[in-house]
Structures are given as structure tokens and as C-alpha cells.
Amino acid sequence: MEYPLVHIDPSARIGNNVRIEPFTCIHGDVEIGDDTWIGSNVTIYEGARIGKHCRIFPGAVISAVPQDLKFKGEQTTTHIGDHTCIRECVTVNRGTSAAGRTEIGSHCLLMAYVHVAHDCIIGNHVIMANSVNLAGHVTVQDWAILEGYVGVSQFVTIGAHSFIAGQTGVRKNVPPFVRAAREPLSYIGINSVGLSRRGFSETMVQEIQDMYRTIYQRGLNMVAALEHIEQTFTPSTHRDTILAFIRSSEKGVIRGPQFSQSKTD
């Protein structure tokens, strides 16, 4: 296939029915899957592994070297799954020797000006709205949604099916199934709308809500709250997911709701 006004290194491996618009540059050691569309003025550097049926819009830069002073030019990669959409001016840096790769799953949407730093792992069906910024070594699990202008600190994990309100900073881990907002970032409820859309039954949603009320609203310390959940709730995938996530969170999890008391003069 001819690609007028496109630079493609001879060592790049381009799949079938790939469309590449003019003024795009694709370096060596790049793989692009079948039926992917790449817009104009995109730069794809060494180590990119892009799946099938992806869409990459103008101005995106994929697999550039990390913005990490410890990086010494080691061979690392960036992986993007199938059916993922990368909008205008998104930047995705490849990994460092710490993890070896940066990874974005399938069926994700990264809106304009999102930045994904080195060694981040993003699951499937993740949505990151405009100008979300992930520092290095961040993990975003499946089905999470981050609204615009969210900034995430290094080594933070954002749990599956969670929802992060816009213009917030994420400095601690966000448990699965919750909604988080305010400054500092706090638990404000569960993501009941998202869970219902994804097939969670009313009973499951209610159980998840009851578990988080135990964690955040009963006045128990975290150890006691998790023990109470383990002893009280029937074993299930969502129960075990919550317990495992919080118990493994060395960085700690976000705080509970803070209710300000009105003052009278």
C-alpha cells in the first residue's frame, strides 16, 4: 500500500488495511495491527505495539522516551490494545527498566491532551477525559472513568469501575466501584449508575454500597471494617475484590466523606 507524504521506517511492521494520513512519521521497531487508522502529524516511536481497529488522531505522540532522568536508553515498549481511540495531542511514553513497558488495554478512549507516563498500566474499557495526566507507574483498572483535568501521582492504583470527578488530584489509591471527588480526594459514594449499565444487579449494587458504608461511615478503623465485611457478607467476586484491593494498598486509600458543619454567628 502506498502512503503519500508519510515516513515509515523500513523495519516497521504494518498490518492489512491500515490507513495512514499525510505528514505522519513511523519509526523502526513499530507494529501496527490490521484496520487501524492513523491521522496526520502523528509520531510513533520505537517500541510501539498498536493493536487492530485503533484510531489515533492528529498530533498524538506514541512511545516517546520516558521523561525520567533515570532512563538510560534501555529497550522498552508501549502496548496499545485493539479498538482503542487516541485523540488529538495525546502523549504516551514507553516504559523504563523498572517495568519494561507502558500498557493501554483494548476499547479505551483517551481524549485530547491526555498524558500517560512511563510504566503505566491501563486496563480495558477505560475512559480518560481531556487533559488527564498520569505520572509514572500508575495503574488504572478496567472500566474506570477519569474526568477532565485529573492528575494522578506516581504508583497510585485506581480500582475497576471507579469514577473520578474532574479537576482533582489523586494521591492515594482509589478502591473499586466508588465515586471520588473533592480536595483532598474523598469517597462520595459508589458508582451505581456505571455498575448498573454494566450488568450489576440491584442486589450486587446494594451489597457493594453496604460494604463501603461499613468502611467509610460506621466509624470503624480499616482493619476492623474489613474484618466485619469478611465475617458478615457472603463471599462473592465483588466482596473479595474490595478486600484484596484495600489490603494490598501500601500507598493507602482515599479518605471517607467529610461533612462540614454549618456555623452560626
C-alpha atoms as a PDB file:
ATOM      1  CA  MET A   1       0.000   0.000   0.000  1.00  0.00           C
ATOM      2  CA  GLU A   2       1.234   3.496  -0.841  1.00  0.00           C
ATOM      3  CA  TYR A   3       1.327   6.178   1.876  1.00  0.00           C
ATOM      4  CA  PRO A   4       1.958   9.563   0.189  1.00  0.00           C
ATOM      5  CA  LEU A   5       3.874  12.101   2.291  1.00  0.00           C
ATOM      6  CA  VAL A   6       4.287   9.608   5.136  1.00  0.00           C
ATOM      7  CA  HIS A   7       7.655   8.492   6.532  1.00  0.00           C
ATOM      8  CA  ILE A   8       7.695   4.811   7.537  1.00  0.00           C
ATOM      9  CA  ASP A   9      10.907   3.148   8.630  1.00  0.00           C
ATOM     10  CA  PRO A  10      11.514   0.009   6.543  1.00  0.00           C
ATOM     11  CA  SER A  11      11.628  -2.139   9.679  1.00  0.00           C
ATOM     12  CA  ALA A  12       8.131  -1.111  10.835  1.00  0.00           C
ATOM     13  CA  ARG A  13       5.506  -3.840  10.525  1.00  0.00           C
ATOM     14  CA  ILE A  14       2.203  -2.508   9.199  1.00  0.00           C
ATOM     15  CA  GLY A  15      -0.914  -4.725   9.140  1.00  0.00           C
ATOM     16  CA  ASN A  16      -3.584  -5.059   6.484  1.00  0.00           C
ATOM     17  CA  ASN A  17      -5.962  -2.227   5.602  1.00  0.00           C
ATOM     18  CA  VAL A  18      -4.076   0.288   7.741  1.00  0.00           C
ATOM     19  CA  ARG A  19      -4.706   3.896   6.722  1.00  0.00           C
ATOM     20  CA  ILE A  20      -2.018   6.463   7.493  1.00  0.00           C
ATOM     21  CA  GLU A  21      -2.663  10.118   6.702  1.00  0.00           C
ATOM     22  CA  PRO A  22      -0.006  12.508   5.329  1.00  0.00           C
ATOM     23  CA  PHE A  23       2.791  14.025   7.431  1.00  0.00           C
ATOM     24  CA  THR A  24       2.899  11.155   9.923  1.00  0.00           C
ATOM     25  CA  CYS A  25       6.234   9.622  10.958  1.00  0.00           C
ATOM     26  CA  ILE A  26       6.591   5.981  11.997  1.00  0.00           C
ATOM     27  CA  HIS A  27       9.988   4.900  13.323  1.00  0.00           C
ATOM     28  CA  GLY A  28      11.588   1.457  13.357  1.00  0.00           C
ATOM     29  CA  ASP A  29      10.622  -1.427  15.666  1.00  0.00           C
ATOM     30  CA  VAL A  30       6.924  -0.494  15.431  1.00  0.00           C
ATOM     31  CA  GLU A  31       3.977  -2.834  14.935  1.00  0.00           C
ATOM     32  CA  ILE A  32       0.537  -1.632  13.812  1.00  0.00           C
ATOM     33  CA  GLY A  33      -2.404  -4.040  13.638  1.00  0.00           C
ATOM     34  CA  ASP A  34      -4.951  -4.508  10.891  1.00  0.00           C
ATOM     35  CA  ASP A  35      -7.619  -1.912  10.087  1.00  0.00           C
ATOM     36  CA  THR A  36      -6.080   0.824  12.236  1.00  0.00           C
ATOM     37  CA  TRP A  37      -6.396   4.477  11.206  1.00  0.00           C
ATOM     38  CA  ILE A  38      -3.632   6.983  11.973  1.00  0.00           C
ATOM     39  CA  GLY A  39      -4.281  10.657  11.341  1.00  0.00           C
ATOM     40  CA  SER A  40      -1.948  13.360  10.082  1.00  0.00           C
ATOM     41  CA  ASN A  41       1.010  14.662  12.089  1.00  0.00           C
ATOM     42  CA  VAL A  42       1.222  11.635  14.357  1.00  0.00           C
ATOM     43  CA  THR A  43       4.632  10.446  15.566  1.00  0.00           C
ATOM     44  CA  ILE A  44       5.088   6.813  16.561  1.00  0.00           C
ATOM     45  CA  TYR A  45       8.494   5.997  18.026  1.00  0.00           C
ATOM     46  CA  GLU A  46      10.425   2.782  18.559  1.00  0.00           C
ATOM     47  CA  GLY A  47       8.835   0.099  20.691  1.00  0.00           C
ATOM     48  CA  ALA A  48       5.192   0.850  19.853  1.00  0.00           C
ATOM     49  CA  ARG A  49       2.889  -2.159  19.603  1.00  0.00           C
ATOM     50  CA  ILE A  50      -0.500  -0.948  18.393  1.00  0.00           C
ATOM     51  CA  GLY A  51      -3.459  -3.290  18.057  1.00  0.00           C
ATOM     52  CA  LYS A  52      -6.199  -3.747  15.486  1.00  0.00           C
ATOM     53  CA  HIS A  53      -9.017  -1.316  14.694  1.00  0.00           C
ATOM     54  CA  CYS A  54      -7.396   1.534  16.634  1.00  0.00           C
ATOM     55  CA  ARG A  55      -7.843   5.229  15.822  1.00  0.00           C
ATOM     56  CA  ILE A  56      -5.023   7.687  16.506  1.00  0.00           C
ATOM     57  CA  PHE A  57      -5.816  11.350  15.877  1.00  0.00           C
ATOM     58  CA  PRO A  58      -3.543  14.200  14.702  1.00  0.00           C
ATOM     59  CA  GLY A  59      -0.790  15.412  16.977  1.00  0.00           C
ATOM     60  CA  ALA A  60      -0.515  12.264  19.094  1.00  0.00           C
ATOM     61  CA  VAL A  61       2.971  11.087  20.091  1.00  0.00           C
ATOM     62  CA  ILE A  62       3.205   7.390  20.936  1.00  0.00           C
ATOM     63  CA  SER A  63       6.132   5.589  22.606  1.00  0.00           C
ATOM     64  CA  ALA A  64       8.439   8.578  23.081  1.00  0.00           C
ATOM     65  CA  VAL A  65      11.268   8.037  25.558  1.00  0.00           C
ATOM     66  CA  PRO A  66      10.257   8.496  29.202  1.00  0.00           C
ATOM     67  CA  GLN A  67      10.501  11.843  30.965  1.00  0.00           C
ATOM     68  CA  ASP A  68      12.522  10.112  33.659  1.00  0.00           C
ATOM     69  CA  LEU A  69      16.095  11.126  34.481  1.00  0.00           C
ATOM     70  CA  LYS A  70      16.887   7.502  35.402  1.00  0.00           C
ATOM     71  CA  PHE A  71      16.170   6.338  31.860  1.00  0.00           C
ATOM     72  CA  LYS A  72      19.391   5.251  30.144  1.00  0.00           C
ATOM     73  CA  GLY A  73      18.122   4.307  26.705  1.00  0.00           C
ATOM     74  CA  GLU A  74      17.138   0.733  27.539  1.00  0.00           C
ATOM     75  CA  GLN A  75      14.941  -1.186  25.099  1.00  0.00           C
ATOM     76  CA  THR A  76      11.349  -0.894  26.295  1.00  0.00           C
ATOM     77  CA  THR A  77       7.910  -0.874  24.701  1.00  0.00           C
ATOM     78  CA  THR A  78       4.452   0.689  24.579  1.00  0.00           C
ATOM     79  CA  HIS A  79       1.452  -1.592  24.045  1.00  0.00           C
ATOM     80  CA  ILE A  80      -1.980  -0.401  22.911  1.00  0.00           C
ATOM     81  CA  GLY A  81      -4.821  -2.912  22.653  1.00  0.00           C
ATOM     82  CA  ASP A  82      -7.467  -3.364  19.967  1.00  0.00           C
ATOM     83  CA  HIS A  83     -10.288  -0.880  19.303  1.00  0.00           C
ATOM     84  CA  THR A  84      -8.656   1.868  21.380  1.00  0.00           C
ATOM     85  CA  CYS A  85      -9.095   5.515  20.399  1.00  0.00           C
ATOM     86  CA  ILE A  86      -6.290   8.038  20.995  1.00  0.00           C
ATOM     87  CA  ARG A  87      -7.480  11.609  20.427  1.00  0.00           C
ATOM     88  CA  GLU A  88      -5.608  14.768  19.476  1.00  0.00           C
ATOM     89  CA  CYS A  89      -2.232  15.562  21.087  1.00  0.00           C
ATOM     90  CA  VAL A  90      -2.216  12.597  23.472  1.00  0.00           C
ATOM     91  CA  THR A  91       1.287  11.608  24.627  1.00  0.00           C
ATOM     92  CA  VAL A  92       2.159   8.067  25.712  1.00  0.00           C
ATOM     93  CA  ASN A  93       5.716   7.380  26.917  1.00  0.00           C
ATOM     94  CA  ARG A  94       7.283   3.957  26.734  1.00  0.00           C
ATOM     95  CA  GLY A  95       8.466   2.051  29.791  1.00  0.00           C
ATOM     96  CA  THR A  96      11.720   2.073  31.712  1.00  0.00           C
ATOM     97  CA  SER A  97      13.792  -0.799  33.067  1.00  0.00           C
ATOM     98  CA  ALA A  98      11.548  -0.788  36.155  1.00  0.00           C
ATOM     99  CA  ALA A  99       8.630  -2.419  34.326  1.00  0.00           C
ATOM    100  CA  GLY A 100       9.824  -2.619  30.739  1.00  0.00           C
ATOM    101  CA  ARG A 101       6.590  -1.417  29.184  1.00  0.00           C
ATOM    102  CA  THR A 102       3.719   1.021  29.241  1.00  0.00           C
ATOM    103  CA  GLU A 103       0.382  -0.611  28.502  1.00  0.00           C
ATOM    104  CA  ILE A 104      -3.048   0.606  27.413  1.00  0.00           C
ATOM    105  CA  GLY A 105      -5.777  -2.002  27.061  1.00  0.00           C
ATOM    106  CA  SER A 106      -8.500  -2.565  24.487  1.00  0.00           C
ATOM    107  CA  HIS A 107     -11.642  -0.484  23.897  1.00  0.00           C
ATOM    108  CA  CYS A 108     -10.183   2.534  25.717  1.00  0.00           C
ATOM    109  CA  LEU A 109     -10.794   6.210  24.959  1.00  0.00           C
ATOM    110  CA  LEU A 110      -8.075   8.747  25.703  1.00  0.00           C
ATOM    111  CA  MET A 111      -9.402  12.220  24.934  1.00  0.00           C
ATOM    112  CA  ALA A 112      -7.343  15.187  23.778  1.00  0.00           C
ATOM    113  CA  TYR A 113      -4.162  16.146  25.662  1.00  0.00           C
ATOM    114  CA  VAL A 114      -4.082  13.110  27.936  1.00  0.00           C
ATOM    115  CA  HIS A 115      -0.581  12.192  29.117  1.00  0.00           C
ATOM    116  CA  VAL A 116       0.365   8.617  30.056  1.00  0.00           C
ATOM    117  CA  ALA A 117       3.827   8.436  31.605  1.00  0.00           C
ATOM    118  CA  HIS A 118       6.312   5.561  31.686  1.00  0.00           C
ATOM    119  CA  ASP A 119       5.377   2.161  33.106  1.00  0.00           C
ATOM    120  CA  CYS A 120       1.672   2.930  33.471  1.00  0.00           C
ATOM    121  CA  ILE A 121      -0.745   0.022  33.114  1.00  0.00           C
ATOM    122  CA  ILE A 122      -4.241   0.897  31.893  1.00  0.00           C
ATOM    123  CA  GLY A 123      -6.898  -1.801  31.669  1.00  0.00           C
ATOM    124  CA  ASN A 124      -9.719  -2.329  29.191  1.00  0.00           C
ATOM    125  CA  HIS A 125     -12.703  -0.021  28.596  1.00  0.00           C
ATOM    126  CA  VAL A 126     -11.027   2.865  30.436  1.00  0.00           C
ATOM    127  CA  ILE A 127     -12.083   6.438  29.624  1.00  0.00           C
ATOM    128  CA  MET A 128      -9.800   9.390  30.375  1.00  0.00           C
ATOM    129  CA  ALA A 129     -11.261  12.774  29.506  1.00  0.00           C
ATOM    130  CA  ASN A 130      -9.372  15.827  28.284  1.00  0.00           C
ATOM    131  CA  SER A 131      -6.062  16.730  29.940  1.00  0.00           C
ATOM    132  CA  VAL A 132      -5.897  13.823  32.373  1.00  0.00           C
ATOM    133  CA  ASN A 133      -2.263  13.378  33.431  1.00  0.00           C
ATOM    134  CA  LEU A 134      -0.829  10.124  34.774  1.00  0.00           C
ATOM    135  CA  ALA A 135       2.585  10.136  36.431  1.00  0.00           C
ATOM    136  CA  GLY A 136       4.842   7.093  36.148  1.00  0.00           C
ATOM    137  CA  HIS A 137       3.889   3.636  37.410  1.00  0.00           C
ATOM    138  CA  VAL A 138       0.162   4.391  37.682  1.00  0.00           C
ATOM    139  CA  THR A 139      -2.328   1.533  37.312  1.00  0.00           C
ATOM    140  CA  VAL A 140      -5.877   2.185  36.090  1.00  0.00           C
ATOM    141  CA  GLN A 141      -8.050  -0.914  36.222  1.00  0.00           C
ATOM    142  CA  ASP A 142     -10.841  -1.935  33.829  1.00  0.00           C
ATOM    143  CA  TRP A 143     -13.868   0.321  33.248  1.00  0.00           C
ATOM    144  CA  ALA A 144     -12.522   3.243  35.315  1.00  0.00           C
ATOM    145  CA  ILE A 145     -13.526   6.752  34.208  1.00  0.00           C
ATOM    146  CA  LEU A 146     -11.390   9.835  34.893  1.00  0.00           C
ATOM    147  CA  GLU A 147     -12.980  13.192  34.138  1.00  0.00           C
ATOM    148  CA  GLY A 148     -11.077  16.159  32.711  1.00  0.00           C
ATOM    149  CA  TYR A 149      -8.005  17.668  34.371  1.00  0.00           C
ATOM    150  CA  VAL A 150      -7.478  14.803  36.807  1.00  0.00           C
ATOM    151  CA  GLY A 151      -3.844  14.456  37.908  1.00  0.00           C
ATOM    152  CA  VAL A 152      -2.611  11.131  39.288  1.00  0.00           C
ATOM    153  CA  SER A 153       0.571  10.775  41.369  1.00  0.00           C
ATOM    154  CA  GLN A 154       3.207   8.073  40.880  1.00  0.00           C
ATOM    155  CA  PHE A 155       2.477   4.489  41.949  1.00  0.00           C
ATOM    156  CA  VAL A 156      -1.238   5.126  42.525  1.00  0.00           C
ATOM    157  CA  THR A 157      -3.784   2.450  41.604  1.00  0.00           C
ATOM    158  CA  ILE A 158      -7.313   3.364  40.516  1.00  0.00           C
ATOM    159  CA  GLY A 159      -9.725   0.486  41.008  1.00  0.00           C
ATOM    160  CA  ALA A 160     -12.052  -1.097  38.470  1.00  0.00           C
ATOM    161  CA  HIS A 161     -15.415   0.563  37.752  1.00  0.00           C
ATOM    162  CA  SER A 162     -14.457   3.686  39.704  1.00  0.00           C
ATOM    163  CA  PHE A 163     -15.314   7.254  38.717  1.00  0.00           C
ATOM    164  CA  ILE A 164     -13.010  10.219  39.453  1.00  0.00           C
ATOM    165  CA  ALA A 165     -14.514  13.710  39.321  1.00  0.00           C
ATOM    166  CA  GLY A 166     -12.794  16.360  37.208  1.00  0.00           C
ATOM    167  CA  GLN A 167     -10.126  18.810  38.353  1.00  0.00           C
ATOM    168  CA  THR A 168      -8.996  16.624  41.234  1.00  0.00           C
ATOM    169  CA  GLY A 169      -5.640  15.257  42.374  1.00  0.00           C
ATOM    170  CA  VAL A 170      -5.286  11.530  43.076  1.00  0.00           C
ATOM    171  CA  ARG A 171      -2.549  10.922  45.652  1.00  0.00           C
ATOM    172  CA  LYS A 172      -3.808   7.680  47.212  1.00  0.00           C
ATOM    173  CA  ASN A 173      -5.348   4.532  45.792  1.00  0.00           C
ATOM    174  CA  VAL A 174      -8.997   4.661  44.779  1.00  0.00           C
ATOM    175  CA  PRO A 175     -10.886   1.440  45.626  1.00  0.00           C
ATOM    176  CA  PRO A 176     -13.010  -0.319  43.000  1.00  0.00           C
ATOM    177  CA  PHE A 177     -16.666   0.557  42.344  1.00  0.00           C
ATOM    178  CA  VAL A 178     -16.560   4.007  44.024  1.00  0.00           C
ATOM    179  CA  ARG A 179     -17.064   7.644  43.059  1.00  0.00           C
ATOM    180  CA  ALA A 180     -14.403  10.053  44.274  1.00  0.00           C
ATOM    181  CA  ALA A 181     -14.367  13.854  44.337  1.00  0.00           C
ATOM    182  CA  ARG A 182     -13.411  16.931  46.383  1.00  0.00           C
ATOM    183  CA  GLU A 183      -9.996  18.121  47.567  1.00  0.00           C
ATOM    184  CA  PRO A 184      -8.379  16.192  49.090  1.00  0.00           C
ATOM    185  CA  LEU A 185      -9.920  13.392  47.067  1.00  0.00           C
ATOM    186  CA  SER A 186     -12.584  11.560  49.075  1.00  0.00           C
ATOM    187  CA  TYR A 187     -15.099   8.758  48.757  1.00  0.00           C
ATOM    188  CA  ILE A 188     -18.533  10.224  47.932  1.00  0.00           C
ATOM    189  CA  GLY A 189     -20.478   7.045  47.156  1.00  0.00           C
ATOM    190  CA  ILE A 190     -20.415   4.101  44.811  1.00  0.00           C
ATOM    191  CA  ASN A 191     -20.594   4.256  41.035  1.00  0.00           C
ATOM    192  CA  SER A 192     -24.114   2.826  40.976  1.00  0.00           C
ATOM    193  CA  VAL A 193     -25.017   4.225  37.549  1.00  0.00           C
ATOM    194  CA  GLY A 194     -21.919   2.753  35.917  1.00  0.00           C
ATOM    195  CA  LEU A 195     -22.365  -0.593  37.647  1.00  0.00           C
ATOM    196  CA  SER A 196     -25.999  -0.857  36.542  1.00  0.00           C
ATOM    197  CA  ARG A 197     -25.042  -0.082  32.949  1.00  0.00           C
ATOM    198  CA  ARG A 198     -22.501  -2.906  33.050  1.00  0.00           C
ATOM    199  CA  GLY A 199     -24.935  -5.550  34.232  1.00  0.00           C
ATOM    200  CA  PHE A 200     -24.524  -5.489  38.006  1.00  0.00           C
ATOM    201  CA  SER A 201     -27.815  -6.495  39.609  1.00  0.00           C
ATOM    202  CA  GLU A 202     -29.613  -4.309  42.153  1.00  0.00           C
ATOM    203  CA  THR A 203     -28.644  -6.823  44.847  1.00  0.00           C
ATOM    204  CA  MET A 204     -24.957  -6.635  43.919  1.00  0.00           C
ATOM    205  CA  VAL A 205     -25.011  -2.825  43.843  1.00  0.00           C
ATOM    206  CA  GLN A 206     -26.694  -2.738  47.250  1.00  0.00           C
ATOM    207  CA  GLU A 207     -24.131  -5.136  48.723  1.00  0.00           C
ATOM    208  CA  ILE A 208     -21.260  -3.016  47.388  1.00  0.00           C
ATOM    209  CA  GLN A 209     -22.872   0.083  48.873  1.00  0.00           C
ATOM    210  CA  ASP A 210     -23.301  -1.627  52.251  1.00  0.00           C
ATOM    211  CA  MET A 211     -19.662  -2.693  52.259  1.00  0.00           C
ATOM    212  CA  TYR A 212     -18.437   0.835  51.648  1.00  0.00           C
ATOM    213  CA  ARG A 213     -20.752   2.188  54.316  1.00  0.00           C
ATOM    214  CA  THR A 214     -19.017  -0.220  56.674  1.00  0.00           C
ATOM    215  CA  ILE A 215     -15.611   1.033  55.546  1.00  0.00           C
ATOM    216  CA  TYR A 216     -16.300   4.746  55.465  1.00  0.00           C
ATOM    217  CA  GLN A 217     -19.363   5.582  57.556  1.00  0.00           C
ATOM    218  CA  ARG A 218     -19.554   3.317  60.607  1.00  0.00           C
ATOM    219  CA  GLY A 219     -16.617   4.804  62.488  1.00  0.00           C
ATOM    220  CA  LEU A 220     -14.519   1.624  62.346  1.00  0.00           C
ATOM    221  CA  ASN A 221     -10.808   1.608  61.644  1.00  0.00           C
ATOM    222  CA  MET A 222      -9.878  -0.010  58.362  1.00  0.00           C
ATOM    223  CA  VAL A 223      -8.738  -3.334  59.824  1.00  0.00           C
ATOM    224  CA  ALA A 224     -11.949  -3.730  61.817  1.00  0.00           C
ATOM    225  CA  ALA A 225     -14.106  -2.693  58.857  1.00  0.00           C
ATOM    226  CA  LEU A 226     -12.512  -5.267  56.548  1.00  0.00           C
ATOM    227  CA  GLU A 227     -12.850  -7.998  59.180  1.00  0.00           C
ATOM    228  CA  HIS A 228     -16.521  -7.106  59.619  1.00  0.00           C
ATOM    229  CA  ILE A 229     -17.114  -7.343  55.852  1.00  0.00           C
ATOM    230  CA  GLU A 230     -15.322 -10.687  55.664  1.00  0.00           C
ATOM    231  CA  GLN A 231     -17.397 -12.112  58.508  1.00  0.00           C
ATOM    232  CA  THR A 232     -20.756 -10.582  57.563  1.00  0.00           C
ATOM    233  CA  PHE A 233     -21.042 -10.635  53.770  1.00  0.00           C
ATOM    234  CA  THR A 234     -21.354 -13.776  51.673  1.00  0.00           C
ATOM    235  CA  PRO A 235     -18.214 -14.466  49.627  1.00  0.00           C
ATOM    236  CA  SER A 236     -18.521 -13.039  46.117  1.00  0.00           C
ATOM    237  CA  THR A 237     -16.299 -11.669  43.388  1.00  0.00           C
ATOM    238  CA  HIS A 238     -17.062  -8.038  44.274  1.00  0.00           C
ATOM    239  CA  ARG A 239     -16.593  -8.624  48.007  1.00  0.00           C
ATOM    240  CA  ASP A 240     -13.255 -10.336  47.504  1.00  0.00           C
ATOM    241  CA  THR A 241     -12.163  -7.670  45.008  1.00  0.00           C
ATOM    242  CA  ILE A 242     -12.760  -4.905  47.564  1.00  0.00           C
ATOM    243  CA  LEU A 243     -10.993  -6.771  50.373  1.00  0.00           C
ATOM    244  CA  ALA A 244      -7.979  -7.701  48.253  1.00  0.00           C
ATOM    245  CA  PHE A 245      -7.597  -4.206  46.816  1.00  0.00           C
ATOM    246  CA  ILE A 246      -7.607  -2.387  50.149  1.00  0.00           C
ATOM    247  CA  ARG A 247      -5.420  -4.927  51.938  1.00  0.00           C
ATOM    248  CA  SER A 248      -2.787  -4.704  49.213  1.00  0.00           C
ATOM    249  CA  SER A 249      -2.789  -0.885  49.059  1.00  0.00           C
ATOM    250  CA  GLU A 250       0.588   0.010  50.517  1.00  0.00           C
ATOM    251  CA  LYS A 251       0.058   3.621  49.474  1.00  0.00           C
ATOM    252  CA  GLY A 252      -3.229   3.769  51.380  1.00  0.00           C
ATOM    253  CA  VAL A 253      -6.721   4.502  50.063  1.00  0.00           C
ATOM    254  CA  ILE A 254      -8.640   7.752  49.757  1.00  0.00           C
ATOM    255  CA  ARG A 255     -10.355   9.191  52.817  1.00  0.00           C
ATOM    256  CA  GLY A 256     -14.030   8.917  53.673  1.00  0.00           C
ATOM    257  CA  PRO A 257     -16.650  11.633  53.239  1.00  0.00           C
ATOM    258  CA  GLN A 258     -16.103  14.788  55.236  1.00  0.00           C
ATOM    259  CA  PHE A 259     -19.232  16.631  56.252  1.00  0.00           C
ATOM    260  CA  SER A 260     -18.697  20.275  57.118  1.00  0.00           C
ATOM    261  CA  GLN A 261     -20.810  21.596  59.968  1.00  0.00           C
ATOM    262  CA  SER A 262     -22.612  24.873  59.418  1.00  0.00           C
ATOM    263  CA  LYS A 263     -21.632  27.686  61.728  1.00  0.00           C
ATOM    264  CA  THR A 264     -23.888  30.403  63.033  1.00  0.00           C
ATOM    265  CA  ASP A 265     -22.760  33.836  64.060  1.00  0.00           C
END
